[in-house]
């Protein structure tokens, strides 16, 4: 149907915008970590880098306005 097609197009456009935003983020810093503040493995990885004197750019997806959408875009860009 026309409505379904328009919805699919809007979702595709939003996904493309998020992918472009994520790629721009990667160009800004030498090391970018997408994390969740409640994730113990994320905490361990950040601590490891800090202990080595590396200061990565960190995006806490659970604190970003569009973090959930960014997380989905990251997941689907890796598959």
PDB file of N, CA and C in Angstrom:
ATOM      1  N   UNK A   1       0.836  -1.185   0.000  1.00  0.00           N
ATOM      2  CA  UNK A   1       0.000   0.000   0.000  1.00  0.00           C
ATOM      3  C   UNK A   1       0.876   1.242   0.000  1.00  0.00           C
ATOM      4  N   UNK A   2       0.282   2.353  -0.338  1.00  0.00           N
ATOM      5  CA  UNK A   2       1.012   3.616  -0.404  1.00  0.00           C
ATOM      6  C   UNK A   2       1.534   4.025   0.960  1.00  0.00           C
ATOM      7  N   UNK A   3       0.722   3.866   2.000  1.00  0.00           N
ATOM      8  CA  UNK A   3       1.137   4.242   3.357  1.00  0.00           C
ATOM      9  C   UNK A   3       2.315   3.398   3.827  1.00  0.00           C
ATOM     10  N   UNK A   4       2.288   2.112   3.542  1.00  0.00           N
ATOM     11  CA  UNK A   4       3.377   1.221   3.917  1.00  0.00           C
ATOM     12  C   UNK A   4       4.665   1.598   3.186  1.00  0.00           C
ATOM     13  N   UNK A   5       4.538   1.941   1.926  1.00  0.00           N
ATOM     14  CA  UNK A   5       5.694   2.341   1.126  1.00  0.00           C
ATOM     15  C   UNK A   5       6.307   3.638   1.656  1.00  0.00           C
ATOM     16  N   UNK A   6       5.457   4.588   2.037  1.00  0.00           N
ATOM     17  CA  UNK A   6       5.945   5.853   2.580  1.00  0.00           C
ATOM     18  C   UNK A   6       6.639   5.638   3.922  1.00  0.00           C
ATOM     19  N   UNK A   7       6.091   4.752   4.755  1.00  0.00           N
ATOM     20  CA  UNK A   7       6.706   4.447   6.049  1.00  0.00           C
ATOM     21  C   UNK A   7       8.062   3.796   5.846  1.00  0.00           C
ATOM     22  N   UNK A   8       8.159   2.842   4.931  1.00  0.00           N
ATOM     23  CA  UNK A   8       9.427   2.181   4.643  1.00  0.00           C
ATOM     24  C   UNK A   8      10.458   3.178   4.132  1.00  0.00           C
ATOM     25  N   UNK A   9      10.028   4.099   3.291  1.00  0.00           N
ATOM     26  CA  UNK A   9      10.940   5.120   2.769  1.00  0.00           C
ATOM     27  C   UNK A   9      11.436   6.027   3.891  1.00  0.00           C
ATOM     28  N   UNK A  10      10.550   6.417   4.804  1.00  0.00           N
ATOM     29  CA  UNK A  10      10.933   7.284   5.923  1.00  0.00           C
ATOM     30  C   UNK A  10      11.929   6.579   6.833  1.00  0.00           C
ATOM     31  N   UNK A  11      11.713   5.299   7.104  1.00  0.00           N
ATOM     32  CA  UNK A  11      12.628   4.525   7.938  1.00  0.00           C
ATOM     33  C   UNK A  11      13.983   4.403   7.247  1.00  0.00           C
ATOM     34  N   UNK A  12      13.977   4.130   5.958  1.00  0.00           N
ATOM     35  CA  UNK A  12      15.220   4.002   5.199  1.00  0.00           C
ATOM     36  C   UNK A  12      15.994   5.319   5.197  1.00  0.00           C
ATOM     37  N   UNK A  13      15.295   6.421   5.034  1.00  0.00           N
ATOM     38  CA  UNK A  13      15.932   7.739   5.045  1.00  0.00           C
ATOM     39  C   UNK A  13      16.556   8.015   6.406  1.00  0.00           C
ATOM     40  N   UNK A  14      15.842   7.702   7.480  1.00  0.00           N
ATOM     41  CA  UNK A  14      16.359   7.910   8.834  1.00  0.00           C
ATOM     42  C   UNK A  14      17.577   7.024   9.082  1.00  0.00           C
ATOM     43  N   UNK A  15      17.534   5.770   8.642  1.00  0.00           N
ATOM     44  CA  UNK A  15      18.683   4.871   8.799  1.00  0.00           C
ATOM     45  C   UNK A  15      19.896   5.400   8.051  1.00  0.00           C
ATOM     46  N   UNK A  16      19.694   5.913   6.855  1.00  0.00           N
ATOM     47  CA  UNK A  16      20.801   6.486   6.081  1.00  0.00           C
ATOM     48  C   UNK A  16      21.394   7.694   6.797  1.00  0.00           C
ATOM     49  N   UNK A  17      20.544   8.527   7.395  1.00  0.00           N
ATOM     50  CA  UNK A  17      21.012   9.701   8.126  1.00  0.00           C
ATOM     51  C   UNK A  17      21.838   9.279   9.337  1.00  0.00           C
ATOM     52  N   UNK A  18      21.369   8.255  10.061  1.00  0.00           N
ATOM     53  CA  UNK A  18      22.102   7.770  11.229  1.00  0.00           C
ATOM     54  C   UNK A  18      23.440   7.155  10.830  1.00  0.00           C
ATOM     55  N   UNK A  19      23.477   6.393   9.756  1.00  0.00           N
ATOM     56  CA  UNK A  19      24.737   5.801   9.285  1.00  0.00           C
ATOM     57  C   UNK A  19      25.734   6.904   8.935  1.00  0.00           C
ATOM     58  N   UNK A  20      25.263   7.945   8.271  1.00  0.00           N
ATOM     59  CA  UNK A  20      26.146   9.054   7.911  1.00  0.00           C
ATOM     60  C   UNK A  20      26.656   9.753   9.170  1.00  0.00           C
ATOM     61  N   UNK A  21      25.788   9.939  10.149  1.00  0.00           N
ATOM     62  CA  UNK A  21      26.186  10.573  11.413  1.00  0.00           C
ATOM     63  C   UNK A  21      27.248   9.736  12.126  1.00  0.00           C
ATOM     64  N   UNK A  22      27.063   8.438  12.170  1.00  0.00           N
ATOM     65  CA  UNK A  22      28.029   7.540  12.817  1.00  0.00           C
ATOM     66  C   UNK A  22      29.369   7.591  12.091  1.00  0.00           C
ATOM     67  N   UNK A  23      29.345   7.624  10.771  1.00  0.00           N
ATOM     68  CA  UNK A  23      30.589   7.718  10.003  1.00  0.00           C
ATOM     69  C   UNK A  23      31.301   9.039  10.287  1.00  0.00           C
ATOM     70  N   UNK A  24      30.551  10.131  10.414  1.00  0.00           N
ATOM     71  CA  UNK A  24      31.142  11.430  10.744  1.00  0.00           C
ATOM     72  C   UNK A  24      31.801  11.383  12.124  1.00  0.00           C
ATOM     73  N   UNK A  25      31.146  10.735  13.078  1.00  0.00           N
ATOM     74  CA  UNK A  25      31.707  10.597  14.422  1.00  0.00           C
ATOM     75  C   UNK A  25      33.055   9.888  14.350  1.00  0.00           C
ATOM     76  N   UNK A  26      33.136   8.848  13.551  1.00  0.00           N
ATOM     77  CA  UNK A  26      34.374   8.093  13.408  1.00  0.00           C
ATOM     78  C   UNK A  26      35.505   8.894  12.804  1.00  0.00           C
ATOM     79  N   UNK A  27      35.187   9.913  12.031  1.00  0.00           N
ATOM     80  CA  UNK A  27      36.214  10.741  11.414  1.00  0.00           C
ATOM     81  C   UNK A  27      36.780  11.777  12.365  1.00  0.00           C
ATOM     82  N   UNK A  28      36.058  12.082  13.427  1.00  0.00           N
ATOM     83  CA  UNK A  28      36.449  13.149  14.343  1.00  0.00           C
ATOM     84  C   UNK A  28      37.589  12.734  15.264  1.00  0.00           C
ATOM     85  N   UNK A  29      37.508  11.548  15.827  1.00  0.00           N
ATOM     86  CA  UNK A  29      38.508  11.125  16.802  1.00  0.00           C
ATOM     87  C   UNK A  29      39.317   9.945  16.320  1.00  0.00           C
ATOM     88  N   UNK A  30      40.463   9.746  16.969  1.00  0.00           N
ATOM     89  CA  UNK A  30      41.296   8.589  16.640  1.00  0.00           C
ATOM     90  C   UNK A  30      40.634   7.293  17.099  1.00  0.00           C
ATOM     91  N   UNK A  31      39.947   7.373  18.236  1.00  0.00           N
ATOM     92  CA  UNK A  31      39.276   6.195  18.797  1.00  0.00           C
ATOM     93  C   UNK A  31      37.922   6.613  19.323  1.00  0.00           C
ATOM     94  N   UNK A  32      36.890   5.948  18.856  1.00  0.00           N
ATOM     95  CA  UNK A  32      35.527   6.227  19.289  1.00  0.00           C
ATOM     96  C   UNK A  32      34.953   4.950  19.883  1.00  0.00           C
ATOM     97  N   UNK A  33      34.356   5.085  21.065  1.00  0.00           N
ATOM     98  CA  UNK A  33      33.708   3.942  21.713  1.00  0.00           C
ATOM     99  C   UNK A  33      32.236   4.263  21.868  1.00  0.00           C
ATOM    100  N   UNK A  34      31.394   3.377  21.360  1.00  0.00           N
ATOM    101  CA  UNK A  34      29.963   3.465  21.581  1.00  0.00           C
ATOM    102  C   UNK A  34      29.670   2.525  22.736  1.00  0.00           C
ATOM    103  N   UNK A  35      29.105   3.067  23.795  1.00  0.00           N
ATOM    104  CA  UNK A  35      28.996   2.353  25.051  1.00  0.00           C
ATOM    105  C   UNK A  35      27.607   2.528  25.650  1.00  0.00           C
ATOM    106  N   UNK A  36      27.354   1.757  26.689  1.00  0.00           N
ATOM    107  CA  UNK A  36      26.188   1.961  27.544  1.00  0.00           C
ATOM    108  C   UNK A  36      26.719   2.093  28.960  1.00  0.00           C
ATOM    109  N   UNK A  37      26.228   3.080  29.673  1.00  0.00           N
ATOM    110  CA  UNK A  37      26.770   3.360  31.001  1.00  0.00           C
ATOM    111  C   UNK A  37      26.542   2.218  31.989  1.00  0.00           C
ATOM    112  N   UNK A  38      25.563   1.371  31.744  1.00  0.00           N
ATOM    113  CA  UNK A  38      25.273   0.258  32.657  1.00  0.00           C
ATOM    114  C   UNK A  38      25.999  -1.037  32.288  1.00  0.00           C
ATOM    115  N   UNK A  39      26.778  -1.017  31.220  1.00  0.00           N
ATOM    116  CA  UNK A  39      27.439  -2.231  30.726  1.00  0.00           C
ATOM    117  C   UNK A  39      28.810  -2.403  31.388  1.00  0.00           C
ATOM    118  N   UNK A  40      28.970  -3.503  32.128  1.00  0.00           N
ATOM    119  CA  UNK A  40      30.240  -3.723  32.833  1.00  0.00           C
ATOM    120  C   UNK A  40      31.393  -3.972  31.857  1.00  0.00           C
ATOM    121  N   UNK A  41      31.140  -4.608  30.732  1.00  0.00           N
ATOM    122  CA  UNK A  41      32.192  -4.839  29.743  1.00  0.00           C
ATOM    123  C   UNK A  41      32.626  -3.511  29.107  1.00  0.00           C
ATOM    124  N   UNK A  42      31.660  -2.641  28.847  1.00  0.00           N
ATOM    125  CA  UNK A  42      31.991  -1.311  28.320  1.00  0.00           C
ATOM    126  C   UNK A  42      32.849  -0.547  29.313  1.00  0.00           C
ATOM    127  N   UNK A  43      32.502  -0.624  30.571  1.00  0.00           N
ATOM    128  CA  UNK A  43      33.270   0.048  31.620  1.00  0.00           C
ATOM    129  C   UNK A  43      34.709  -0.483  31.653  1.00  0.00           C
ATOM    130  N   UNK A  44      34.860  -1.793  31.545  1.00  0.00           N
ATOM    131  CA  UNK A  44      36.196  -2.403  31.566  1.00  0.00           C
ATOM    132  C   UNK A  44      37.028  -1.950  30.364  1.00  0.00           C
ATOM    133  N   UNK A  45      36.419  -1.881  29.201  1.00  0.00           N
ATOM    134  CA  UNK A  45      37.144  -1.461  27.997  1.00  0.00           C
ATOM    135  C   UNK A  45      37.577   0.001  28.111  1.00  0.00           C
ATOM    136  N   UNK A  46      36.665   0.858  28.582  1.00  0.00           N
ATOM    137  CA  UNK A  46      37.019   2.278  28.751  1.00  0.00           C
ATOM    138  C   UNK A  46      38.156   2.422  29.758  1.00  0.00           C
ATOM    139  N   UNK A  47      38.083   1.691  30.841  1.00  0.00           N
ATOM    140  CA  UNK A  47      39.125   1.749  31.872  1.00  0.00           C
ATOM    141  C   UNK A  47      40.465   1.286  31.310  1.00  0.00           C
ATOM    142  N   UNK A  48      40.451   0.239  30.503  1.00  0.00           N
ATOM    143  CA  UNK A  48      41.677  -0.262  29.887  1.00  0.00           C
ATOM    144  C   UNK A  48      42.344   0.818  29.045  1.00  0.00           C
ATOM    145  N   UNK A  49      41.557   1.510  28.227  1.00  0.00           N
ATOM    146  CA  UNK A  49      42.125   2.577  27.397  1.00  0.00           C
ATOM    147  C   UNK A  49      42.654   3.715  28.249  1.00  0.00           C
ATOM    148  N   UNK A  50      41.881   4.130  29.258  1.00  0.00           N
ATOM    149  CA  UNK A  50      42.335   5.216  30.132  1.00  0.00           C
ATOM    150  C   UNK A  50      43.640   4.856  30.835  1.00  0.00           C
ATOM    151  N   UNK A  51      43.773   3.616  31.291  1.00  0.00           N
ATOM    152  CA  UNK A  51      44.995   3.176  31.966  1.00  0.00           C
ATOM    153  C   UNK A  51      46.197   3.191  31.035  1.00  0.00           C
ATOM    154  N   UNK A  52      45.955   3.075  29.745  1.00  0.00           N
ATOM    155  CA  UNK A  52      47.037   3.114  28.761  1.00  0.00           C
ATOM    156  C   UNK A  52      47.330   4.552  28.298  1.00  0.00           C
ATOM    157  N   UNK A  53      46.627   5.519  28.876  1.00  0.00           N
ATOM    158  CA  UNK A  53      46.842   6.915  28.520  1.00  0.00           C
ATOM    159  C   UNK A  53      46.115   7.356  27.265  1.00  0.00           C
ATOM    160  N   UNK A  54      45.164   6.556  26.833  1.00  0.00           N
ATOM    161  CA  UNK A  54      44.390   6.877  25.631  1.00  0.00           C
ATOM    162  C   UNK A  54      43.072   7.491  26.082  1.00  0.00           C
ATOM    163  N   UNK A  55      42.703   8.589  25.469  1.00  0.00           N
ATOM    164  CA  UNK A  55      41.447   9.259  25.798  1.00  0.00           C
ATOM    165  C   UNK A  55      40.482   9.172  24.623  1.00  0.00           C
ATOM    166  N   UNK A  56      39.739   8.090  24.544  1.00  0.00           N
ATOM    167  CA  UNK A  56      38.816   7.921  23.420  1.00  0.00           C
ATOM    168  C   UNK A  56      37.617   8.854  23.524  1.00  0.00           C
ATOM    169  N   UNK A  57      37.010   9.121  22.391  1.00  0.00           N
ATOM    170  CA  UNK A  57      35.737   9.824  22.368  1.00  0.00           C
ATOM    171  C   UNK A  57      34.683   8.761  22.688  1.00  0.00           C
ATOM    172  N   UNK A  58      33.869   9.021  23.694  1.00  0.00           N
ATOM    173  CA  UNK A  58      32.902   8.023  24.141  1.00  0.00           C
ATOM    174  C   UNK A  58      31.486   8.541  23.953  1.00  0.00           C
ATOM    175  N   UNK A  59      30.663   7.719  23.346  1.00  0.00           N
ATOM    176  CA  UNK A  59      29.245   8.000  23.195  1.00  0.00           C
ATOM    177  C   UNK A  59      28.487   6.985  24.030  1.00  0.00           C
ATOM    178  N   UNK A  60      27.885   7.468  25.104  1.00  0.00           N
ATOM    179  CA  UNK A  60      27.046   6.616  25.947  1.00  0.00           C
ATOM    180  C   UNK A  60      25.672   6.557  25.295  1.00  0.00           C
ATOM    181  N   UNK A  61      25.393   5.468  24.612  1.00  0.00           N
ATOM    182  CA  UNK A  61      24.173   5.375  23.819  1.00  0.00           C
ATOM    183  C   UNK A  61      22.910   5.506  24.660  1.00  0.00           C
ATOM    184  N   UNK A  62      22.972   5.086  25.927  1.00  0.00           N
ATOM    185  CA  UNK A  62      21.786   5.201  26.768  1.00  0.00           C
ATOM    186  C   UNK A  62      21.570   6.628  27.263  1.00  0.00           C
ATOM    187  N   UNK A  63      22.502   7.519  26.975  1.00  0.00           N
ATOM    188  CA  UNK A  63      22.362   8.920  27.383  1.00  0.00           C
ATOM    189  C   UNK A  63      22.216   9.862  26.196  1.00  0.00           C
ATOM    190  N   UNK A  64      22.393   9.350  25.000  1.00  0.00           N
ATOM    191  CA  UNK A  64      22.235  10.149  23.787  1.00  0.00           C
ATOM    192  C   UNK A  64      20.750  10.250  23.437  1.00  0.00           C
ATOM    193  N   UNK A  65      20.353  11.382  22.899  1.00  0.00           N
ATOM    194  CA  UNK A  65      18.946  11.583  22.532  1.00  0.00           C
ATOM    195  C   UNK A  65      18.470  10.511  21.556  1.00  0.00           C
ATOM    196  N   UNK A  66      19.255  10.225  20.542  1.00  0.00           N
ATOM    197  CA  UNK A  66      18.875   9.204  19.565  1.00  0.00           C
ATOM    198  C   UNK A  66      19.753   7.955  19.714  1.00  0.00           C
ATOM    199  N   UNK A  67      20.138   7.663  20.950  1.00  0.00           N
ATOM    200  CA  UNK A  67      21.033   6.543  21.219  1.00  0.00           C
ATOM    201  C   UNK A  67      20.510   5.189  20.792  1.00  0.00           C
ATOM    202  N   UNK A  68      19.244   4.936  21.025  1.00  0.00           N
ATOM    203  CA  UNK A  68      18.664   3.639  20.633  1.00  0.00           C
ATOM    204  C   UNK A  68      18.726   3.459  19.121  1.00  0.00           C
ATOM    205  N   UNK A  69      18.409   4.523  18.404  1.00  0.00           N
ATOM    206  CA  UNK A  69      18.469   4.461  16.948  1.00  0.00           C
ATOM    207  C   UNK A  69      19.909   4.284  16.470  1.00  0.00           C
ATOM    208  N   UNK A  70      20.849   4.984  17.146  1.00  0.00           N
ATOM    209  CA  UNK A  70      22.256   4.829  16.790  1.00  0.00           C
ATOM    210  C   UNK A  70      22.712   3.390  17.036  1.00  0.00           C
ATOM    211  N   UNK A  71      22.269   2.808  18.152  1.00  0.00           N
ATOM    212  CA  UNK A  71      22.636   1.422  18.464  1.00  0.00           C
ATOM    213  C   UNK A  71      22.137   0.488  17.365  1.00  0.00           C
ATOM    214  N   UNK A  72      20.899   0.661  16.935  1.00  0.00           N
ATOM    215  CA  UNK A  72      20.352  -0.189  15.870  1.00  0.00           C
ATOM    216  C   UNK A  72      21.131   0.009  14.568  1.00  0.00           C
ATOM    217  N   UNK A  73      21.465   1.254  14.258  1.00  0.00           N
ATOM    218  CA  UNK A  73      22.220   1.523  13.030  1.00  0.00           C
ATOM    219  C   UNK A  73      23.596   0.856  13.104  1.00  0.00           C
ATOM    220  N   UNK A  74      24.234   0.881  14.281  1.00  0.00           N
ATOM    221  CA  UNK A  74      25.536   0.217  14.435  1.00  0.00           C
ATOM    222  C   UNK A  74      25.407  -1.285  14.267  1.00  0.00           C
ATOM    223  N   UNK A  75      24.380  -1.854  14.867  1.00  0.00           N
ATOM    224  CA  UNK A  75      24.178  -3.298  14.765  1.00  0.00           C
ATOM    225  C   UNK A  75      23.968  -3.713  13.312  1.00  0.00           C
ATOM    226  N   UNK A  76      23.101  -2.985  12.614  1.00  0.00           N
ATOM    227  CA  UNK A  76      22.773  -3.376  11.243  1.00  0.00           C
ATOM    228  C   UNK A  76      23.879  -3.034  10.257  1.00  0.00           C
ATOM    229  N   UNK A  77      24.760  -2.093  10.602  1.00  0.00           N
ATOM    230  CA  UNK A  77      25.865  -1.796   9.691  1.00  0.00           C
ATOM    231  C   UNK A  77      26.957  -2.840   9.783  1.00  0.00           C
ATOM    232  N   UNK A  78      26.939  -3.642  10.850  1.00  0.00           N
ATOM    233  CA  UNK A  78      27.937  -4.684  11.041  1.00  0.00           C
ATOM    234  C   UNK A  78      27.503  -6.034  10.504  1.00  0.00           C
ATOM    235  N   UNK A  79      26.278  -6.129  10.038  1.00  0.00           N
ATOM    236  CA  UNK A  79      25.799  -7.428   9.540  1.00  0.00           C
ATOM    237  C   UNK A  79      25.824  -7.486   8.049  1.00  0.00           C
TER     238      UNK A  79
END
